[in-house]
């Protein structure tokens, strides 16, 4: 929306009223997010995955993230994680070319799915979403990874249906495993919290709408105000010219000023 407004402004097609409207709109949007909790909760699977990672690790910027798969869900989740600037990003996919495309977009590296068992230990966060009918991450693979990591914790987010990670992995120490169902609960909590902030947000918006409508209504008086000002300006010039003629004739300046002020007041 902001880009559209900038384009219209550059093209000279925005106009005063729309300029005022959109600037107020952007200001209100910022105020709503600042004064309410409407933007504080996760309402998508991708955002929820990031929120879970923030609960487990002090900073995502210090973690390495492994994305398994290259579909739309992985792309969305990668975009959310990339915004937190992780220490490293890897994409693993059966078709390496697709993984390379995502790696180029998000500044990571691409590997084949066949290399998964060799690289998984080097990552703190694993997000997987493939179309595999069977789990691709088993208990044994994770046990070896944890041993190599000296039992530093791992977060695994399984967005696949059916699951990519064996359920037994979730019962292992040092592993935080979340499935689609788990993230669904987080998303629902976020929706409930956001709904609670709607009333306050609407109050802020309603007040600003009233302000804008008052400003818009005041615009209707502009022609009248302009006409009155033009009439007053003509009267001022006429009286100044008259006063100057009297001064040139030798009239007392005090008397001329007194007459000038009284006449302008009356008019």
Protein backbone atom coordinates (compact mmCIF):
# COMPACT_ATOMS: atom_id res chain seq x y z
CA UNK A 1 0.00 0.00 0.00
CA UNK A 2 2.82 2.41 0.86
CA UNK A 3 4.49 1.64 -2.46
CA UNK A 4 1.22 2.36 -4.27
CA UNK A 5 0.93 5.71 -2.50
CA UNK A 6 4.53 6.59 -3.40
CA UNK A 7 3.87 5.71 -7.04
CA UNK A 8 0.72 7.85 -7.13
CA UNK A 9 2.52 10.74 -5.48
CA UNK A 10 5.39 10.51 -7.96
CA UNK A 11 2.91 10.47 -10.85
CA UNK A 12 1.13 13.51 -9.43
CA UNK A 13 -2.22 11.72 -9.14
CA UNK A 14 -2.56 11.49 -5.36
CA UNK A 15 -4.11 14.84 -4.51
CA UNK A 16 -4.50 16.55 -1.16
CA UNK A 17 -7.40 14.49 0.23
CA UNK A 18 -5.94 11.06 -0.61
CA UNK A 19 -2.51 12.16 0.64
CA UNK A 20 -4.05 13.16 3.96
CA UNK A 21 -6.11 9.95 4.11
CA UNK A 22 -3.21 7.56 3.52
CA UNK A 23 -0.75 9.36 5.79
CA UNK A 24 -3.34 9.15 8.57
CA UNK A 25 -3.98 5.49 7.73
CA UNK A 26 -0.31 4.58 8.07
CA UNK A 27 -0.07 6.55 11.30
CA UNK A 28 -3.11 4.79 12.78
CA UNK A 29 -1.77 1.37 11.77
CA UNK A 30 1.45 2.08 13.65
CA UNK A 31 -0.45 3.38 16.67
CA UNK A 32 -2.67 0.29 16.79
CA UNK A 33 0.34 -2.03 16.75
CA UNK A 34 2.09 0.05 19.39
CA UNK A 35 -0.81 0.46 21.82
CA UNK A 36 -2.44 -2.98 21.46
CA UNK A 37 -1.33 -6.61 21.38
CA UNK A 38 -2.94 -7.23 18.01
CA UNK A 39 0.38 -7.93 16.31
CA UNK A 40 2.11 -9.73 19.17
CA UNK A 41 0.69 -13.22 18.58
CA UNK A 42 1.46 -15.76 15.88
CA UNK A 43 -1.45 -16.46 13.55
CA UNK A 44 0.30 -18.59 10.93
CA UNK A 45 2.22 -21.86 11.05
CA UNK A 46 5.39 -20.17 9.82
CA UNK A 47 5.21 -17.39 12.42
CA UNK A 48 4.38 -19.91 15.14
CA UNK A 49 7.51 -21.92 14.30
CA UNK A 50 9.65 -18.83 14.80
CA UNK A 51 7.87 -18.01 18.05
CA UNK A 52 8.59 -21.51 19.39
CA UNK A 53 12.25 -21.15 18.46
CA UNK A 54 12.40 -17.84 20.36
CA UNK A 55 11.07 -19.59 23.46
CA UNK A 56 13.77 -22.26 23.34
CA UNK A 57 16.86 -20.34 22.21
CA UNK A 58 18.09 -16.98 23.55
CA UNK A 59 18.54 -15.65 20.00
CA UNK A 60 17.79 -17.17 16.62
CA UNK A 61 20.65 -15.09 15.22
CA UNK A 62 23.02 -17.48 17.02
CA UNK A 63 21.46 -20.68 15.64
CA UNK A 64 21.80 -22.68 12.43
CA UNK A 65 18.58 -23.68 10.70
CA UNK A 66 18.00 -26.67 8.43
CA UNK A 67 14.99 -26.70 6.10
CA UNK A 68 14.00 -30.06 4.65
CA UNK A 69 11.83 -29.85 1.56
CA UNK A 70 11.32 -27.03 -0.91
CA UNK A 71 7.57 -26.49 -1.10
CA UNK A 72 5.45 -23.48 -0.29
CA UNK A 73 5.38 -24.13 3.48
CA UNK A 74 9.16 -24.35 3.67
CA UNK A 75 9.48 -21.17 1.60
CA UNK A 76 7.11 -19.28 3.92
CA UNK A 77 8.81 -20.56 7.07
CA UNK A 78 12.24 -19.76 5.68
CA UNK A 79 11.13 -16.18 5.03
CA UNK A 80 10.06 -15.80 8.68
CA UNK A 81 13.31 -17.28 10.01
CA UNK A 82 15.45 -15.28 7.56
CA UNK A 83 13.99 -12.09 9.04
CA UNK A 84 15.69 -13.06 12.33
CA UNK A 85 19.09 -13.39 10.60
CA UNK A 86 20.12 -16.91 11.75
CA UNK A 87 23.80 -17.80 11.87
CA UNK A 88 23.40 -20.27 9.02
CA UNK A 89 20.71 -21.67 6.73
CA UNK A 90 20.69 -24.95 4.82
CA UNK A 91 18.10 -26.35 2.41
CA UNK A 92 17.90 -30.09 1.83
CA UNK A 93 15.70 -31.49 -0.92
CA UNK A 94 15.43 -34.52 -3.14
CA UNK A 95 15.70 -32.22 -6.15
CA UNK A 96 18.82 -30.19 -5.40
CA UNK A 97 18.01 -27.52 -8.02
CA UNK A 98 14.93 -26.46 -6.07
CA UNK A 99 16.96 -26.31 -2.86
CA UNK A 100 19.56 -24.21 -4.63
CA UNK A 101 16.90 -21.70 -5.70
CA UNK A 102 15.78 -21.23 -2.08
CA UNK A 103 19.37 -21.08 -0.88
CA UNK A 104 20.11 -18.31 -3.36
CA UNK A 105 17.05 -16.37 -2.22
CA UNK A 106 17.75 -16.63 1.52
CA UNK A 107 21.53 -16.65 1.49
CA UNK A 108 22.06 -20.28 2.49
CA UNK A 109 23.49 -23.48 1.11
CA UNK A 110 21.80 -26.41 -0.64
CA UNK A 111 22.36 -30.13 -0.18
CA UNK A 112 20.77 -33.34 -1.34
CA UNK A 113 18.32 -35.15 0.90
CA UNK A 114 20.75 -38.09 0.78
CA UNK A 115 23.21 -36.03 2.85
CA UNK A 116 20.70 -35.45 5.65
CA UNK A 117 22.22 -37.85 8.18
CA UNK A 118 25.65 -36.23 7.70
CA UNK A 119 24.59 -32.61 8.20
CA UNK A 120 21.70 -32.68 10.66
CA UNK A 121 24.00 -32.58 13.71
CA UNK A 122 25.35 -29.21 12.63
CA UNK A 123 21.96 -27.51 12.97
CA UNK A 124 20.09 -26.32 16.04
CA UNK A 125 16.68 -25.91 14.38
CA UNK A 126 15.20 -28.35 11.87
CA UNK A 127 12.05 -27.50 9.92
CA UNK A 128 10.71 -30.22 7.66
CA UNK A 129 7.82 -30.40 5.23
CA UNK A 130 8.06 -32.99 2.47
CA UNK A 131 5.59 -35.14 0.59
CA UNK A 132 7.21 -38.36 1.75
CA UNK A 133 4.68 -41.06 2.73
CA UNK A 134 7.10 -42.34 5.39
CA UNK A 135 9.21 -40.55 8.05
CA UNK A 136 12.59 -39.38 6.77
CA UNK A 137 14.02 -38.59 10.23
CA UNK A 138 14.17 -41.56 12.54
CA UNK A 139 15.13 -42.06 16.15
CA UNK A 140 18.53 -43.50 15.26
CA UNK A 141 19.48 -40.52 13.08
CA UNK A 142 18.58 -38.10 15.86
CA UNK A 143 20.42 -40.14 18.51
CA UNK A 144 23.62 -39.96 16.44
CA UNK A 145 23.10 -36.24 15.88
CA UNK A 146 22.65 -35.54 19.60
CA UNK A 147 25.77 -37.55 20.43
CA UNK A 148 27.76 -35.49 17.91
CA UNK A 149 26.28 -32.31 19.37
CA UNK A 150 27.18 -33.43 22.90
CA UNK A 151 23.49 -33.23 23.74
CA UNK A 152 23.03 -29.57 22.93
CA UNK A 153 19.24 -29.14 22.45
CA UNK A 154 17.58 -29.31 19.05
CA UNK A 155 14.23 -27.89 17.96
CA UNK A 156 12.39 -29.90 15.33
CA UNK A 157 9.29 -28.51 13.63
CA UNK A 158 7.47 -31.15 11.58
CA UNK A 159 5.02 -29.45 9.22
CA UNK A 160 4.44 -32.53 7.07
CA UNK A 161 1.27 -34.61 6.85
CA UNK A 162 1.96 -37.51 7.23
CA UNK A 163 4.83 -36.77 9.57
CA UNK A 164 8.45 -36.53 8.46
CA UNK A 165 9.80 -37.22 11.97
CA UNK A 166 9.14 -40.43 13.88
CA UNK A 167 6.96 -39.82 16.94
CA UNK A 168 9.54 -41.53 19.19
CA UNK A 169 11.92 -38.62 18.60
CA UNK A 170 9.63 -36.38 20.63
CA UNK A 171 10.23 -38.50 23.73
CA UNK A 172 14.00 -38.08 23.59
CA UNK A 173 15.90 -35.80 25.94
CA UNK A 174 17.37 -32.64 24.39
CA UNK A 175 14.83 -32.67 21.53
CA UNK A 176 11.86 -30.32 21.26
CA UNK A 177 9.57 -31.78 18.60
CA UNK A 178 6.47 -29.94 17.42
CA UNK A 179 3.99 -31.23 14.86
CA UNK A 180 1.32 -29.50 12.78
CA UNK A 181 -1.18 -30.17 15.57
CA UNK A 182 1.08 -28.49 18.14
CA UNK A 183 1.55 -25.42 15.96
CA UNK A 184 -2.18 -25.34 15.30
CA UNK A 185 -2.74 -24.84 19.03
CA UNK A 186 -0.22 -21.98 19.09
CA UNK A 187 -1.94 -20.35 16.12
CA UNK A 188 -5.36 -20.69 17.79
CA UNK A 189 -4.00 -19.09 20.96
CA UNK A 190 -2.68 -16.24 18.85
CA UNK A 191 -6.04 -15.79 17.15
CA UNK A 192 -7.79 -15.68 20.53
CA UNK A 193 -5.34 -13.09 21.88
CA UNK A 194 -5.63 -11.01 18.71
CA UNK A 195 -9.42 -11.09 18.92
CA UNK A 196 -9.19 -9.64 22.42
CA UNK A 197 -7.23 -6.66 21.09
CA UNK A 198 -9.69 -5.91 18.29
CA UNK A 199 -12.04 -3.82 20.46
CA UNK A 200 -9.25 -1.48 21.58
CA UNK A 201 -7.92 -1.26 18.03
CA UNK A 202 -11.36 -0.33 16.71
CA UNK A 203 -11.67 2.42 19.33
CA UNK A 204 -8.40 3.95 18.14
CA UNK A 205 -9.48 3.71 14.51
CA UNK A 206 -12.94 5.16 15.16
CA UNK A 207 -11.44 8.20 16.91
CA UNK A 208 -9.09 8.85 14.00
CA UNK A 209 -11.90 8.41 11.48
CA UNK A 210 -13.88 11.12 13.30
CA UNK A 211 -10.84 13.42 13.18
CA UNK A 212 -10.45 12.84 9.45
CA UNK A 213 -14.14 13.44 8.75
CA UNK A 214 -13.96 16.71 10.70
CA UNK A 215 -10.98 17.76 8.60
CA UNK A 216 -12.83 16.72 5.43
CA UNK A 217 -15.92 18.65 6.51
CA UNK A 218 -13.79 21.69 7.19
CA UNK A 219 -12.53 21.49 3.61
CA UNK A 220 -16.06 22.41 2.44
CA UNK A 221 -15.66 25.84 4.06
CA UNK A 222 -12.42 26.57 2.19
CA UNK A 223 -14.06 28.39 -0.79
CA UNK A 224 -16.01 30.62 1.57
CA UNK A 225 -12.93 31.39 3.66
CA UNK A 226 -10.95 32.15 0.50
CA UNK A 227 -13.68 34.49 -0.77
CA UNK A 228 -13.82 36.33 2.56
CA UNK A 229 -10.05 36.69 2.58
CA UNK A 230 -10.03 38.06 -0.97
CA UNK A 231 -12.74 40.58 -0.05
CA UNK A 232 -10.80 41.63 3.06
CA UNK A 233 -7.60 42.00 1.03
CA UNK A 234 -9.35 44.30 -1.48
CA UNK A 235 -10.69 46.42 1.38
CA UNK A 236 -7.22 46.59 2.96
CA UNK A 237 -5.56 47.75 -0.27
CA UNK A 238 -8.30 50.36 -0.84
CA UNK A 239 -7.94 51.82 2.64
CA UNK A 240 -4.13 51.83 2.51
CA UNK A 241 -4.23 53.73 -0.79
CA UNK A 242 -6.70 56.22 0.72
CA UNK A 243 -4.51 56.68 3.80
CA UNK A 244 -1.42 57.30 1.65
CA UNK A 245 -3.24 59.99 -0.34
CA UNK A 246 -4.23 61.73 2.92
CA UNK A 247 -0.63 61.60 4.14
CA UNK A 248 0.61 63.10 0.90
CA UNK A 249 -1.87 65.96 1.40
CA UNK A 250 -0.27 66.68 4.77
CA UNK A 251 -2.87 65.14 7.07
CA UNK A 252 -1.70 64.21 10.57
CA UNK A 253 -0.23 60.65 10.57
CA UNK A 254 -1.91 59.92 13.90
CA UNK A 255 -5.30 60.95 12.54
CA UNK A 256 -4.78 58.99 9.29
CA UNK A 257 -3.79 55.81 11.21
CA UNK A 258 -6.76 56.20 13.54
CA UNK A 259 -9.15 56.54 10.59
CA UNK A 260 -7.49 53.63 8.76
CA UNK A 261 -7.84 51.25 11.73
CA UNK A 262 -11.46 52.23 12.39
CA UNK A 263 -12.48 51.82 8.75
CA UNK A 264 -10.79 48.38 8.48
CA UNK A 265 -12.49 47.29 11.70
CA UNK A 266 -15.91 48.37 10.42
CA UNK A 267 -15.42 46.67 7.05
